[in-house]
Protein backbone atom coordinates (compact mmCIF):
# COMPACT_ATOMS: atom_id res chain seq x y z
CA UNK A 1 113.50 101.59 62.33
CA UNK A 2 111.79 102.70 65.79
CA UNK A 3 109.22 105.21 66.03
CA UNK A 4 108.46 105.56 69.73
CA UNK A 5 105.36 106.70 71.10
CA UNK A 6 104.61 108.67 74.30
CA UNK A 7 101.40 109.86 76.44
CA UNK A 8 100.79 110.73 79.76
CA UNK A 9 98.67 108.21 81.49
CA UNK A 10 95.25 109.51 80.29
CA UNK A 11 96.42 109.40 76.91
CA UNK A 12 96.60 105.79 77.24
CA UNK A 13 92.46 105.68 78.14
CA UNK A 14 90.84 103.95 75.10
CA UNK A 15 87.51 105.61 76.50
CA UNK A 16 88.98 108.73 75.74
CA UNK A 17 89.85 110.70 72.58
CA UNK A 18 93.42 111.05 73.18
CA UNK A 19 93.83 107.01 74.04
CA UNK A 20 91.50 106.66 70.70
CA UNK A 21 93.76 108.77 68.71
CA UNK A 22 97.12 107.25 69.80
CA UNK A 23 95.90 103.67 69.42
CA UNK A 24 94.93 104.48 65.75
CA UNK A 25 98.52 106.04 65.51
CA UNK A 26 100.25 103.17 66.97
CA UNK A 27 98.48 100.22 64.99
CA UNK A 28 98.81 102.23 61.77
CA UNK A 29 102.70 102.63 62.62
CA UNK A 30 103.03 98.66 63.24
CA UNK A 31 101.00 97.76 59.99
CA UNK A 32 103.93 100.04 58.10
CA UNK A 33 106.38 97.57 59.54
CA UNK A 34 108.10 100.25 62.36
CA UNK A 35 108.68 99.06 65.97
CA UNK A 36 106.58 101.19 68.27
CA UNK A 37 107.99 100.96 71.70
CA UNK A 38 107.03 103.22 74.41
CA UNK A 39 109.12 106.29 75.40
CA UNK A 40 112.30 104.58 74.11
CA UNK A 41 115.30 106.79 74.76
CA UNK A 42 117.20 104.68 71.95
CA UNK A 43 114.32 105.07 69.21
CA UNK A 44 115.17 107.02 65.93
CA UNK A 45 112.12 109.00 66.47
CA UNK A 46 109.76 110.09 69.30
CA UNK A 47 106.38 111.01 69.02
CA UNK A 48 105.15 112.80 72.22
CA UNK A 49 101.22 112.81 71.91
CA UNK A 50 100.57 114.66 75.04
CA UNK A 51 100.74 118.35 76.03
CA UNK A 52 104.07 120.01 76.26
CA UNK A 53 104.75 119.57 80.35
CA UNK A 54 104.87 115.92 79.59
CA UNK A 55 107.01 115.94 76.66
CA UNK A 56 110.22 113.68 77.03
CA UNK A 57 113.71 114.55 75.98
CA UNK A 58 116.53 111.91 75.98
CA UNK A 59 119.65 113.97 75.57
CA UNK A 60 120.35 112.18 72.06
CA UNK A 61 120.23 112.77 68.63
CA UNK A 62 116.72 111.31 68.54
CA UNK A 63 114.13 113.27 66.15
CA UNK A 64 111.73 114.71 68.70
CA UNK A 65 108.00 115.51 67.93
CA UNK A 66 105.53 117.49 69.90
CA UNK A 67 101.79 116.85 69.00
CA UNK A 68 99.27 118.30 71.00
CA UNK A 69 95.76 119.13 70.82
CA UNK A 70 94.42 122.04 72.50
CA UNK A 71 90.82 123.80 72.50
CA UNK A 72 91.38 127.55 73.11
CA UNK A 73 93.09 130.37 71.80
CA UNK A 74 95.34 130.99 75.05
CA UNK A 75 98.31 129.13 75.60
CA UNK A 76 100.10 128.34 79.07
CA UNK A 77 103.48 130.59 79.03
CA UNK A 78 105.20 127.36 80.67
CA UNK A 79 104.04 125.04 77.31
CA UNK A 80 106.41 127.40 74.66
CA UNK A 81 109.86 126.18 75.99
CA UNK A 82 108.93 122.56 75.18
CA UNK A 83 107.03 123.56 72.18
CA UNK A 84 110.33 125.32 71.04
CA UNK A 85 112.56 122.47 71.67
CA UNK A 86 111.13 119.79 69.70
CA UNK A 87 111.89 119.20 66.38
CA UNK A 88 108.90 119.46 64.98
CA UNK A 89 105.57 120.64 66.30
CA UNK A 90 101.92 119.12 65.39
CA UNK A 91 98.56 119.64 66.06
CA UNK A 92 95.09 118.49 64.96
CA UNK A 93 93.87 121.08 62.94
CA UNK A 94 94.64 124.48 61.28
CA UNK A 95 92.64 126.70 63.93
CA UNK A 96 94.87 125.29 66.59
CA UNK A 97 98.20 125.53 64.23
CA UNK A 98 97.11 129.26 64.16
CA UNK A 99 96.92 129.98 67.49
CA UNK A 100 99.61 128.19 68.38
CA UNK A 101 101.90 130.26 66.12
CA UNK A 102 100.15 133.20 67.33
CA UNK A 103 101.15 132.36 70.89
CA UNK A 104 105.01 132.05 69.81
CA UNK A 105 104.73 128.23 70.18
CA UNK A 106 106.96 127.46 66.54
CA UNK A 107 107.07 128.89 63.14
CA UNK A 108 106.42 125.77 61.16
CA UNK A 109 103.24 123.75 62.84
CA UNK A 110 101.96 120.95 61.23
CA UNK A 111 98.44 119.49 60.98
CA UNK A 112 97.76 115.78 61.47
CA UNK A 113 94.27 115.10 61.65
CA UNK A 114 93.05 111.91 63.56
CA UNK A 115 91.55 109.11 61.36
CA UNK A 116 88.58 106.79 61.92
CA UNK A 117 88.59 103.09 62.68
CA UNK A 118 87.21 101.03 60.03
CA UNK A 119 85.07 99.29 62.10
CA UNK A 120 82.28 102.48 62.14
CA UNK A 121 80.55 101.21 59.28
CA UNK A 122 78.18 102.72 57.68
CA UNK A 123 74.29 102.39 58.01
CA UNK A 124 71.25 103.86 56.12
CA UNK A 125 68.65 105.60 58.23
CA UNK A 126 65.26 105.21 57.01
CA UNK A 127 62.60 107.94 57.81
CA UNK A 128 60.36 106.49 60.79
CA UNK A 129 57.78 108.19 63.33
CA UNK A 130 60.32 109.52 65.50
CA UNK A 131 63.45 111.24 64.42
CA UNK A 132 65.94 110.33 67.14
CA UNK A 133 68.57 113.01 68.10
CA UNK A 134 71.94 112.10 70.06
CA UNK A 135 74.02 114.25 72.19
CA UNK A 136 77.59 112.60 73.17
CA UNK A 137 79.91 113.97 75.87
CA UNK A 138 78.19 116.50 78.15
CA UNK A 139 79.99 115.70 80.93
CA UNK A 140 82.51 118.26 79.48
CA UNK A 141 80.17 121.52 79.48
CA UNK A 142 82.30 122.84 76.62
CA UNK A 143 80.65 120.25 74.30
CA UNK A 144 77.55 122.02 74.58
CA UNK A 145 75.20 119.74 76.09
CA UNK A 146 73.01 122.55 77.60
CA UNK A 147 72.71 124.44 74.62
CA UNK A 148 71.70 121.53 73.03
CA UNK A 149 68.78 120.78 75.20
CA UNK A 150 67.61 124.42 75.14
CA UNK A 151 67.44 124.44 71.66
CA UNK A 152 65.78 121.16 71.30
CA UNK A 153 63.33 122.47 73.56
CA UNK A 154 62.69 125.74 72.08
CA UNK A 155 62.31 123.81 68.28
CA UNK A 156 59.99 121.42 69.00
CA UNK A 157 58.55 121.83 72.56
CA UNK A 158 57.84 119.83 75.36
CA UNK A 159 56.67 115.83 75.16
CA UNK A 160 56.82 115.64 71.28
CA UNK A 161 56.69 112.22 70.49
CA UNK A 162 57.81 112.78 67.24
CA UNK A 163 61.34 113.50 67.93
CA UNK A 164 63.78 112.49 70.76
CA UNK A 165 66.86 113.87 72.34
CA UNK A 166 69.68 111.34 74.01
CA UNK A 167 72.64 112.42 76.15
CA UNK A 168 75.27 110.00 76.34
CA UNK A 169 77.89 110.76 79.34
CA UNK A 170 80.96 108.56 81.10
CA UNK A 171 79.58 109.82 84.22
CA UNK A 172 76.05 109.15 85.77
CA UNK A 173 75.20 112.75 85.73
CA UNK A 174 74.96 115.67 83.86
CA UNK A 175 75.07 119.42 84.93
CA UNK A 176 72.32 120.06 82.28
CA UNK A 177 69.16 121.68 83.89
CA UNK A 178 66.06 123.59 83.03
CA UNK A 179 64.48 126.27 85.47
CA UNK A 180 60.99 125.83 85.59
CA UNK A 181 60.70 128.60 88.36
CA UNK A 182 63.05 131.16 90.26
CA UNK A 183 65.77 129.00 91.66
CA UNK A 184 63.65 125.74 90.66
CA UNK A 185 65.84 123.65 88.29
CA UNK A 186 65.18 120.22 86.40
CA UNK A 187 67.21 117.53 84.86
CA UNK A 188 66.19 117.35 81.11
CA UNK A 189 64.66 113.71 81.48
CA UNK A 190 62.51 114.93 84.23
CA UNK A 191 61.30 118.11 82.48
CA UNK A 192 60.41 116.46 79.23
CA UNK A 193 59.37 112.59 78.63
CA UNK A 194 61.10 112.50 74.96
CA UNK A 195 64.75 113.59 76.58
CA UNK A 196 66.68 111.05 78.10
CA UNK A 197 70.32 110.03 79.89
CA UNK A 198 72.41 107.09 79.38
CA UNK A 199 75.85 106.62 80.81
CA UNK A 200 78.54 104.26 81.09
CA UNK A 201 82.10 103.51 79.42
CA UNK A 202 81.06 101.77 76.24
CA UNK A 203 83.29 99.60 74.83
CA UNK A 204 83.74 100.20 71.14
CA UNK A 205 81.32 97.64 69.58
CA UNK A 206 78.84 98.74 72.04
CA UNK A 207 79.48 102.81 70.79
CA UNK A 208 79.16 101.82 67.35
CA UNK A 209 75.80 99.99 67.85
CA UNK A 210 74.71 103.14 69.89
CA UNK A 211 75.59 105.60 66.94
CA UNK A 212 73.94 103.08 64.38
CA UNK A 213 70.74 103.12 66.55
CA UNK A 214 70.30 107.40 66.15
CA UNK A 215 69.53 109.23 63.45
CA UNK A 216 71.32 112.48 64.01
CA UNK A 217 74.20 113.86 66.00
CA UNK A 218 73.65 117.16 67.69
CA UNK A 219 77.21 118.81 68.77
CA UNK A 220 77.26 122.30 69.36
CA UNK A 221 80.72 122.42 70.77
CA UNK A 222 82.48 125.52 72.15
CA UNK A 223 85.89 124.26 71.44
CA UNK A 224 87.70 121.29 70.32
CA UNK A 225 91.09 119.98 69.51
CA UNK A 226 90.00 117.76 66.72
CA UNK A 227 86.65 116.03 67.10
CA UNK A 228 86.31 112.52 66.97
CA UNK A 229 82.60 112.29 67.86
CA UNK A 230 81.39 114.02 64.70
CA UNK A 231 83.83 112.13 62.73
CA UNK A 232 82.62 108.84 63.82
CA UNK A 233 78.79 109.97 63.26
CA UNK A 234 79.78 111.06 59.60
CA UNK A 235 81.62 107.89 59.22
CA UNK A 236 78.52 105.78 60.02
CA UNK A 237 76.28 108.01 57.42
CA UNK A 238 74.70 110.11 60.54
CA UNK A 239 73.70 113.83 59.67
CA UNK A 240 75.65 115.84 62.31
CA UNK A 241 74.58 119.18 63.74
CA UNK A 242 77.82 120.75 64.72
CA UNK A 243 79.65 124.24 64.83
CA UNK A 244 82.40 123.49 62.40
CA UNK A 245 84.83 126.38 62.54
CA UNK A 246 87.40 124.20 64.56
CA UNK A 247 86.72 121.28 62.40
CA UNK A 248 89.02 120.59 59.60
CA UNK A 249 86.43 117.88 57.96
CA UNK A 250 83.79 120.74 58.03
CA UNK A 251 83.60 119.97 54.22
CA UNK A 252 81.66 116.89 55.04
CA UNK A 253 78.97 119.08 57.53
CA UNK A 254 75.62 119.63 55.83
CA UNK A 255 75.23 123.43 55.09
CA UNK A 256 71.84 123.63 56.50
CA UNK A 257 73.44 121.62 59.72
CA UNK A 258 76.29 124.12 60.11
CA UNK A 259 75.68 126.09 63.27
CA UNK A 260 77.47 129.74 63.14
CA UNK A 261 79.58 130.53 66.12
CA UNK A 262 81.48 133.71 67.30
CA UNK A 263 84.59 134.00 69.62
CA UNK A 264 83.96 134.82 73.09
CA UNK A 265 86.08 135.02 76.44
CA UNK A 266 85.88 131.40 77.85
CA UNK A 267 83.52 130.64 80.43
CA UNK A 268 86.45 128.26 81.66
CA UNK A 269 89.57 130.13 81.86
CA UNK A 270 91.12 128.15 84.35
CA UNK A 271 90.59 125.10 82.16
CA UNK A 272 90.34 126.58 78.41
CA UNK A 273 91.94 130.22 78.80
CA UNK A 274 91.49 132.93 76.37
CA UNK A 275 88.63 132.69 73.62
CA UNK A 276 86.22 129.76 72.58
CA UNK A 277 83.72 129.52 69.55
CA UNK A 278 80.18 130.23 71.34
CA UNK A 279 77.42 128.51 69.07
CA UNK A 280 74.55 130.60 67.47
CA UNK A 281 71.46 129.63 69.37
CA UNK A 282 69.24 130.45 66.63
CA UNK A 283 70.96 128.59 63.89
CA UNK A 284 70.97 125.73 66.33
CA UNK A 285 67.22 125.68 66.56
CA UNK A 286 66.77 125.97 63.02
CA UNK A 287 69.32 122.93 62.35
CA UNK A 288 67.06 120.87 64.31
CA UNK A 289 63.99 121.84 62.63
CA UNK A 290 65.70 121.29 59.43
CA UNK A 291 67.20 118.08 60.15
CA UNK A 292 63.42 116.75 61.10
CA UNK A 293 61.75 118.62 58.19
CA UNK A 294 63.96 117.15 55.67
CA UNK A 295 65.25 113.99 57.26
CA UNK A 296 65.38 111.64 53.88
CA UNK A 297 67.57 114.19 52.13
CA UNK A 298 69.91 114.80 54.79
CA UNK A 299 70.23 110.83 55.78
CA UNK A 300 70.69 110.24 51.99
CA UNK A 301 73.60 112.87 51.47
CA UNK A 302 75.33 111.70 55.00
CA UNK A 303 75.01 108.36 53.84
CA UNK A 304 76.24 108.54 50.74
CA UNK A 305 79.46 110.59 51.50
CA UNK A 306 80.59 108.18 54.46
CA UNK A 307 82.84 106.40 51.85
CA UNK A 308 84.65 109.38 51.42
CA UNK A 309 84.82 109.93 55.26
CA UNK A 310 86.36 106.69 55.67
CA UNK A 311 88.93 107.22 52.44
CA UNK A 312 90.02 110.34 53.63
CA UNK A 313 90.22 109.62 57.35
CA UNK A 314 91.86 106.16 57.13
CA UNK A 315 94.40 106.11 59.69
CA UNK A 316 96.99 104.16 57.20
CA UNK A 317 96.57 106.84 54.94
CA UNK A 318 97.38 109.52 57.22
CA UNK A 319 100.09 107.99 59.36
CA UNK A 320 101.81 107.12 56.14
CA UNK A 321 101.48 110.71 54.60
CA UNK A 322 102.58 112.31 57.89
CA UNK A 323 105.56 110.02 59.01
CA UNK A 324 107.17 109.20 55.79
CA UNK A 325 108.90 112.39 54.89
CA UNK A 326 110.46 112.28 58.36
CA UNK A 327 111.58 108.55 57.61
CA UNK A 328 112.89 109.17 54.51
CA UNK A 329 115.13 112.45 55.68
CA UNK A 330 116.81 110.51 58.71
């Protein structure tokens, strides 16, 4: 049987979440014994892993699946037609499924969570002189880089050698700033000696090494389709400070590191219309302090649950569970 895969051009980029997840799906399908051509009109099943304007319809009896992540509560009206036209509609979390349903996209929207590559091995993090916090992805302002920086300064002050915060981005710049006088803004790394910025497209082995060399992820995102970054951290045994209302794997977030949130009108209405989840600043400050004060405890907890993260989010397991009911019905 052929299960054809289709995505937009950006969805084939392995340096981004779309491409990483798509590669995981295709690899697992091949391991299950399926032929997986790209956008084949003659395949038995077509998986459109992309946004609805890019869905493909070939006018055959091909079983068509639309699989779309999303990050906010409002859906473009132009998406509704393609989403209703597919045989099945999938998304990445119960929250997004609810928002799609409320928009009238489809009645029975299934959740297909992303998996984790087995190469994201766990690493035990021992207490040491400096607790190193990591934020990844602040190229996108919705991922909360600014609030992560502001709360870090509030929690620990400036130039505190017992802690550090590093921002990892693709681009060579971030929009994170600190106002030090009216109209005078400083970059985080210029404001405090214990804040750093690294950038570039890291291959997988280098990215895993980066996670292994930090102690705590901080990820107070306003909205997330699925959120591979904190799942990757959890798979390495790294405690994750994060908002988690959007995360289907929130049971793995240590309660004291969970940052509360509330629905607000999106600050980015053109890109993410409707509502998003605003992280609670005081919760974030408290989570920083808790992670520092109780590092041995949270590190142990995260390390010992990493095996379960891998077990529940194994790509082969997830893909077989999602696809086999369809295959057996055709």
